[in-house]
Protein backbone atom coordinates (compact mmCIF):
# COMPACT_ATOMS: atom_id res chain seq x y z
CA MET A 1 10.58 55.61 165.32
CA ASN A 2 13.16 57.84 167.03
CA LEU A 3 11.06 60.32 169.05
CA THR A 4 13.98 62.71 169.59
CA ASN A 5 14.16 63.22 165.81
CA ILE A 6 10.52 64.32 165.76
CA GLY A 7 10.91 66.87 168.54
CA LEU A 8 10.82 65.04 171.87
CA THR A 9 12.78 67.18 174.33
CA GLU A 10 14.07 66.32 177.78
CA LYS A 11 11.45 68.60 179.36
CA ILE A 12 8.53 67.00 177.48
CA ASN A 13 9.79 63.53 178.37
CA ASN A 14 10.20 64.49 182.04
CA ASP A 15 6.64 65.85 182.09
CA PHE A 16 5.47 62.52 180.69
CA LEU A 17 7.39 60.48 183.30
CA VAL A 18 5.95 62.60 186.13
CA GLN A 19 2.35 62.32 184.83
CA LYS A 20 2.62 58.70 183.68
CA GLN A 21 -0.37 56.87 185.14
CA SER A 22 0.83 53.29 184.60
CA GLU A 23 3.66 51.29 183.04
CA GLU A 24 1.45 50.62 180.02
CA MET A 25 1.43 54.30 179.11
CA ILE A 26 3.65 55.52 176.28
CA ILE A 27 4.21 58.94 174.72
CA GLY A 28 3.49 59.86 171.11
CA ARG A 29 3.05 62.89 168.85
CA VAL A 30 -0.11 63.70 166.90
CA ALA A 31 0.70 63.77 163.18
CA LEU A 32 -2.84 64.15 161.83
CA GLU A 33 -6.30 64.85 163.25
CA HIS A 34 -9.60 64.17 161.48
CA LYS A 35 -13.00 64.21 163.16
CA HIS A 36 -11.61 63.29 166.59
CA MET A 37 -9.51 60.44 165.21
CA TYR A 38 -5.75 60.86 165.45
CA ARG A 39 -2.73 59.40 163.70
CA VAL A 40 -0.01 59.36 166.37
CA TRP A 41 3.72 58.73 165.89
CA THR A 42 5.11 56.51 168.64
CA GLU A 43 8.15 54.32 169.31
CA HIS A 44 6.03 51.45 167.94
CA GLY A 45 5.31 53.30 164.69
CA GLU A 46 2.13 55.12 163.63
CA LEU A 47 -1.07 54.30 165.53
CA LEU A 48 -4.69 55.27 164.85
CA CYS A 49 -6.02 56.68 168.14
CA GLU A 50 -9.08 58.14 169.79
CA VAL A 51 -9.45 59.83 173.16
CA SER A 52 -10.66 57.89 176.20
CA GLY A 53 -14.20 58.24 177.53
CA LYS A 54 -12.92 60.03 180.62
CA PHE A 55 -10.96 62.46 178.43
CA ASN A 56 -14.13 63.18 176.44
CA PHE A 57 -16.15 63.73 179.59
CA GLU A 58 -13.66 66.09 181.22
CA ALA A 59 -12.85 68.17 178.11
CA LEU A 60 -14.51 71.59 178.38
CA SER A 61 -13.57 73.04 174.99
CA ARG A 62 -11.82 72.32 171.69
CA GLU A 63 -8.58 73.59 173.23
CA ASP A 64 -8.52 70.58 175.55
CA TYR A 65 -8.45 68.08 172.68
CA PRO A 66 -5.24 67.01 170.91
CA ALA A 67 -4.04 69.08 167.96
CA VAL A 68 -1.46 68.34 165.29
CA GLY A 69 1.99 68.63 166.90
CA ASP A 70 0.78 67.74 170.40
CA TRP A 71 2.58 65.20 172.56
CA VAL A 72 0.07 62.83 174.16
CA MET A 73 0.01 60.05 176.75
CA LEU A 74 -1.62 56.89 175.43
CA LYS A 75 -2.05 53.16 175.75
CA SER A 76 -1.22 51.26 172.58
CA ARG A 77 -2.72 48.16 170.99
CA VAL A 78 0.19 47.59 168.64
CA GLU A 79 -1.17 44.35 167.20
CA GLU A 80 -4.24 46.29 166.02
CA GLY A 81 -2.31 49.42 165.04
CA LYS A 82 -4.50 51.42 167.42
CA GLY A 83 -4.31 53.30 170.72
CA THR A 84 -6.26 55.36 173.25
CA ILE A 85 -5.22 58.88 174.28
CA TYR A 86 -5.56 59.74 177.99
CA SER A 87 -3.98 63.19 178.23
CA VAL A 88 -2.16 65.96 176.35
CA MET A 89 1.31 67.01 177.51
CA PRO A 90 1.86 70.75 178.26
CA ARG A 91 2.47 72.75 175.07
CA PHE A 92 5.46 75.06 174.73
CA SER A 93 3.78 76.86 171.82
CA LYS A 94 0.44 76.82 170.05
CA PHE A 95 -0.75 78.72 167.00
CA SER A 96 -4.44 79.48 167.54
CA ARG A 97 -7.21 81.32 165.78
CA LYS A 98 -10.87 81.91 166.51
CA SER A 99 -12.94 79.04 165.13
CA ALA A 100 -15.52 79.68 162.42
CA GLY A 101 -18.96 80.78 163.63
CA ARG A 102 -20.32 83.22 166.15
CA THR A 103 -19.04 81.57 169.32
CA ALA A 104 -15.73 82.73 170.80
CA GLU A 105 -13.91 79.41 170.71
CA GLU A 106 -10.22 78.70 170.21
CA GLN A 107 -9.06 76.49 167.35
CA ILE A 108 -5.47 75.27 167.64
CA VAL A 109 -3.90 75.14 164.19
CA ALA A 110 -0.59 73.60 165.31
CA ALA A 111 1.14 72.90 168.63
CA ASN A 112 4.76 72.70 169.82
CA VAL A 113 6.10 74.60 166.83
CA ASP A 114 9.57 76.18 166.89
CA THR A 115 9.32 78.30 163.74
CA VAL A 116 6.40 79.45 161.60
CA PHE A 117 7.00 80.07 157.89
CA LEU A 118 4.45 82.73 156.93
CA VAL A 119 4.18 82.04 153.20
CA ASN A 120 2.94 84.83 150.92
CA SER A 121 3.22 84.90 147.14
CA LEU A 122 4.85 87.80 145.31
CA ASN A 123 1.88 88.48 143.04
CA ASP A 124 -1.09 90.84 143.13
CA ASP A 125 -2.46 88.98 146.16
CA LEU A 126 0.41 90.14 148.43
CA ASN A 127 -1.38 91.73 151.36
CA LEU A 128 0.59 93.59 154.07
CA ARG A 129 -2.38 93.75 156.42
CA ARG A 130 -2.77 89.97 156.27
CA ILE A 131 0.93 89.52 157.02
CA GLU A 132 0.54 91.77 160.07
CA ARG A 133 -2.30 89.55 161.29
CA TYR A 134 -0.24 86.38 160.82
CA LEU A 135 2.73 87.98 162.59
CA LEU A 136 0.54 88.95 165.52
CA LEU A 137 -0.74 85.40 165.97
CA THR A 138 2.71 83.87 165.54
CA TRP A 139 4.29 86.07 168.23
CA GLU A 140 1.40 85.17 170.53
CA SER A 141 1.86 81.45 169.82
CA GLY A 142 5.35 81.36 171.32
CA ALA A 143 6.98 80.36 168.02
CA ASN A 144 9.37 82.48 165.91
CA PRO A 145 8.05 83.91 162.63
CA VAL A 146 9.87 83.89 159.29
CA ILE A 147 8.19 85.64 156.35
CA VAL A 148 8.65 83.57 153.18
CA LEU A 149 7.78 85.35 149.93
CA SER A 150 7.18 82.69 147.30
CA LYS A 151 7.02 82.79 143.48
CA ALA A 152 9.87 85.30 143.24
CA ASP A 153 10.34 84.26 139.61
CA LEU A 154 6.95 85.79 138.77
CA CYS A 155 7.67 89.17 140.39
CA GLU A 156 9.06 92.00 138.25
CA ASN A 157 9.54 94.54 141.07
CA ILE A 158 10.89 92.20 143.75
CA GLU A 159 13.08 94.81 145.51
CA GLU A 160 10.10 97.12 145.93
CA LYS A 161 7.94 94.30 147.34
CA LEU A 162 10.70 93.22 149.73
CA ALA A 163 11.04 96.78 151.01
CA GLU A 164 7.29 96.97 151.68
CA VAL A 165 7.30 93.74 153.69
CA GLU A 166 10.50 94.56 155.58
CA ALA A 167 8.89 97.87 156.64
CA ILE A 168 6.34 95.92 158.75
CA ALA A 169 8.65 93.06 159.84
CA PHE A 170 9.73 94.46 163.20
CA GLY A 171 11.47 92.50 165.94
CA GLY A 172 14.15 91.17 163.60
CA VAL A 173 11.73 88.97 161.63
CA PRO A 174 13.60 87.49 158.63
CA VAL A 175 12.09 88.13 155.18
CA ILE A 176 13.15 85.55 152.58
CA ALA A 177 12.20 85.57 148.89
CA ILE A 178 12.19 82.18 147.20
CA SER A 179 11.20 80.48 143.98
CA ALA A 180 10.38 76.81 144.45
CA GLU A 181 10.00 76.52 140.68
CA MET A 182 13.54 77.80 140.07
CA LYS A 183 14.83 76.32 143.36
CA SER A 184 16.32 79.66 144.33
CA GLY A 185 16.45 81.22 147.80
CA VAL A 186 15.35 77.94 149.42
CA GLU A 187 18.83 77.43 150.90
CA LYS A 188 18.15 80.44 153.16
CA LEU A 189 15.53 78.34 154.97
CA GLU A 190 18.04 75.66 155.97
CA PRO A 191 19.08 77.25 159.33
CA TYR A 192 15.50 76.71 160.56
CA LEU A 193 15.20 73.13 159.25
CA GLN A 194 17.24 71.37 161.89
CA PRO A 195 16.74 67.79 163.21
CA GLY A 196 14.26 67.72 166.07
CA LYS A 197 12.82 71.12 165.18
CA THR A 198 9.22 71.70 164.06
CA ILE A 199 8.24 74.20 161.38
CA ALA A 200 4.65 75.12 160.45
CA LEU A 201 3.68 76.46 157.03
CA LEU A 202 0.91 79.05 157.19
CA GLY A 203 -0.60 81.19 154.48
CA SER A 204 -3.52 81.66 152.12
CA SER A 205 -4.53 79.18 149.43
CA GLY A 206 -2.38 79.12 146.32
CA VAL A 207 0.70 80.82 147.80
CA GLY A 208 2.87 77.76 147.19
CA LYS A 209 2.92 75.93 150.55
CA SER A 210 2.40 72.50 148.97
CA THR A 211 5.00 73.21 146.29
CA LEU A 212 7.49 74.22 148.98
CA THR A 213 6.65 71.10 151.01
CA ASN A 214 7.31 68.87 148.00
CA LEU A 215 10.61 70.63 147.33
CA LEU A 216 11.81 70.21 150.93
CA LEU A 217 10.58 66.63 151.01
CA GLY A 218 12.19 65.74 147.70
CA SER A 219 9.01 64.11 146.38
CA LYS A 220 5.51 65.08 145.27
CA LYS A 221 3.61 64.14 148.43
CA GLN A 222 1.27 67.14 148.39
CA ALA A 223 -1.05 67.84 145.46
CA VAL A 224 -0.42 71.19 143.78
CA LYS A 225 -2.90 73.46 142.01
CA GLU A 226 -2.32 76.70 140.18
CA ILE A 227 -3.86 79.97 141.32
CA ARG A 228 -7.03 81.00 139.48
CA GLU A 229 -6.66 83.14 136.42
CA GLY A 230 -8.23 86.58 136.59
CA ASP A 231 -8.09 87.28 140.33
CA ASP A 232 -4.82 85.63 141.45
CA LYS A 233 -6.69 83.95 144.31
CA GLY A 234 -5.54 80.57 145.48
CA ARG A 235 -7.38 77.28 145.35
CA HIS A 236 -7.39 75.01 148.39
CA THR A 237 -4.92 72.15 147.91
CA THR A 238 -4.08 70.90 151.39
CA THR A 239 -7.39 70.01 153.08
CA HIS A 240 -6.13 69.11 156.55
CA ARG A 241 -3.25 69.78 158.91
CA GLU A 242 -0.57 67.13 158.72
CA MET A 243 2.88 66.59 160.20
CA ILE A 244 5.57 65.42 157.77
CA GLN A 245 9.12 64.33 158.58
CA LEU A 246 11.71 65.77 156.19
CA PRO A 247 14.78 63.79 155.07
CA ASN A 248 17.11 65.92 157.26
CA GLY A 249 15.18 65.01 160.42
CA SER A 250 13.15 68.20 160.90
CA VAL A 251 9.35 68.10 161.07
CA LEU A 252 7.04 70.14 158.86
CA ILE A 253 3.37 70.87 159.54
CA ASP A 254 1.48 71.78 156.37
CA THR A 255 -1.87 73.49 156.85
CA PRO A 256 -4.90 74.30 154.67
CA GLY A 257 -4.94 77.79 153.19
CA MET A 258 -6.58 80.41 155.39
CA ARG A 259 -7.79 83.49 153.54
CA GLU A 260 -9.62 84.80 156.61
CA ILE A 261 -7.91 84.29 159.95
CA GLN A 262 -9.59 85.63 163.06
CA LEU A 263 -7.59 86.56 166.13
CA TRP A 264 -7.60 84.69 169.42
CA GLU A 265 -6.21 86.39 172.54
CA SER A 266 -3.24 88.14 170.92
CA ALA A 267 -2.69 91.21 173.08
CA ASP A 268 1.01 90.46 173.63
CA GLY A 269 1.49 89.68 169.96
CA LEU A 270 0.04 93.10 169.10
CA THR A 271 2.93 94.78 170.94
CA GLU A 272 5.52 92.70 169.06
CA THR A 273 3.91 93.20 165.64
CA PHE A 274 3.36 96.94 166.03
CA SER A 275 6.43 97.78 168.09
CA ASP A 276 7.00 100.89 165.91
CA ILE A 277 3.62 102.35 166.91
CA ASP A 278 4.13 101.41 170.55
CA GLU A 279 7.54 103.12 170.61
CA LEU A 280 6.08 106.26 169.04
CA GLY A 281 3.28 106.13 171.60
CA PHE A 282 5.77 106.70 174.43
CA ARG A 283 6.52 110.10 172.88
CA CYS A 284 2.87 111.22 172.80
CA ARG A 285 1.93 114.12 175.06
CA PHE A 286 -0.78 112.08 176.81
CA ARG A 287 -0.09 108.60 178.19
CA ASP A 288 -3.59 107.38 177.23
CA CYS A 289 -3.35 108.80 173.70
CA LYS A 290 -5.62 106.94 171.23
CA HIS A 291 -3.72 108.31 168.21
CA LYS A 292 -6.87 109.82 166.72
CA ASP A 293 -7.02 113.61 167.06
CA GLU A 294 -5.20 114.31 170.32
CA PRO A 295 -2.70 117.21 170.36
CA GLY A 296 0.95 116.21 170.61
CA CYS A 297 0.36 112.72 169.18
CA ALA A 298 3.72 111.38 167.99
CA VAL A 299 2.04 108.67 165.90
CA LEU A 300 -0.03 111.15 163.88
CA GLU A 301 3.03 113.36 163.48
CA ALA A 302 4.97 110.40 162.06
CA ILE A 303 2.19 109.82 159.52
CA GLU A 304 2.17 113.50 158.48
CA GLU A 305 5.95 113.45 158.06
CA GLY A 306 5.75 110.29 155.94
CA ASN A 307 7.60 108.14 158.47
CA LEU A 308 4.63 105.85 159.16
CA ASP A 309 2.07 104.39 156.77
CA GLU A 310 -1.46 105.50 157.70
CA GLY A 311 -2.76 102.05 156.71
CA ARG A 312 -0.61 100.53 159.41
CA LEU A 313 -2.28 102.64 162.12
CA THR A 314 -5.70 101.75 160.69
CA SER A 315 -4.78 98.06 160.90
CA TYR A 316 -3.49 98.50 164.48
CA ASN A 317 -6.76 100.13 165.60
CA LYS A 318 -8.87 97.49 163.84
CA LEU A 319 -7.01 94.61 165.47
CA GLN A 320 -7.29 96.24 168.90
CA LYS A 321 -11.08 96.48 168.51
CA GLU A 322 -11.26 92.87 167.34
CA LEU A 323 -9.28 91.66 170.36
CA ALA A 324 -11.50 93.62 172.75
CA TYR A 325 -14.61 92.07 171.16
CA ILE A 326 -13.18 88.53 171.41
CA GLU A 327 -12.27 89.09 175.07
CA ARG A 328 -15.84 90.13 175.88
CA LYS A 329 -17.30 87.09 174.13
CA ALA A 330 -14.77 84.74 175.73
CA ASP A 331 -15.69 86.02 179.21
CA LYS A 332 -19.36 85.23 178.59
CA ARG A 333 -18.47 81.79 177.25
CA ALA A 334 -16.28 81.06 180.31
CA GLN A 335 -19.18 81.97 182.60
CA THR A 336 -21.52 79.65 180.69
CA GLU A 337 -19.02 76.76 180.86
CA GLU A 338 -18.53 77.27 184.61
CA GLN A 339 -22.30 77.15 185.16
CA LYS A 340 -22.55 73.99 183.03
CA LYS A 341 -19.69 72.37 184.97
CA TRP A 342 -21.33 72.93 188.37
CA LYS A 343 -24.71 71.85 187.02
CA ASN A 344 -23.17 68.50 185.96
CA ILE A 345 -21.46 68.09 189.35
CA THR A 346 -24.76 68.71 191.17
CA LYS A 347 -26.56 66.24 188.90
CA GLN A 348 -23.94 63.52 189.52
CA THR A 349 -24.08 64.09 193.30
CA ARG A 350 -27.86 63.65 193.31
CA GLN A 351 -27.61 60.46 191.25
CA LYS A 352 -25.03 59.00 193.70
CA LYS A 353 -27.34 59.78 196.66
CA LYS A 354 -30.23 57.98 194.93
CA ILE A 355 -28.06 54.89 194.37
CA LYS A 356 -27.10 54.82 198.07
């Protein structure tokens, strides 16, 4: 397998050569992860891998483990079709969200992604607030977002819908309407589908990610289900994250539908996503204006004049509160992990003294 075609850059390879622990070590890219077992693409083909015991011992959180799209250092057992992962190469981008549950823990959806296709269907389930949330996380990830509006053939007021989405797509984010069924608009995605580049598909269930994947792949690899009748909600089709190589050499990461996506450390992404509110904020009378009821608030004036949607400010405030809450929980978790780390070190030291 040609690793350059699946995204190996000179920098990633140099990092590997510097960190290489022995001549037996090779580099590979994680194509699929399932219950701490990994399918890794290498120069010897695809290998089924697990992490080493030392890796397991030293990992402090889920972030430390390999994710789909990661480049890893491993030892291969080619004759068995297996390998052991010893470390993860530095990531140049990672799309993360808060994992399910009450703990503040990061879940990496995809790593080393160049472009994220934020897929939303042009039906009654089109949700601007959800798109804002996806944009926020994409900017924070280090990848470039492209909003893809699918099922254009089912939309009667497409120009109106496009205008609504373009009104929140700041920072020059492209908005592309497509119909995979009619094979229209898909050619506008070609500039992002270049050999060696990695694209992740993100969006809710039933928006057409699997249909788009099959169209780009030229075969029906991914199962496809229709949206439910009555509520236009999607059904889960893709059940795991998986990396797929397209015929033109680019790499696609398909992901399960995410109706609820919780933020994870996206303060910088908030500025990119809501640059219109930030720019208005510079014109407020008070530098610490909260845009609530302060006199001389340029944001509230823009809403009164019809130049800013009030729902957008509501979303901005909600996301700020969510980020502040996550930061508080993450701080407590970091303290707990630090205490656990030193407790383990103390325990090991005592055991070594007893052996002596």
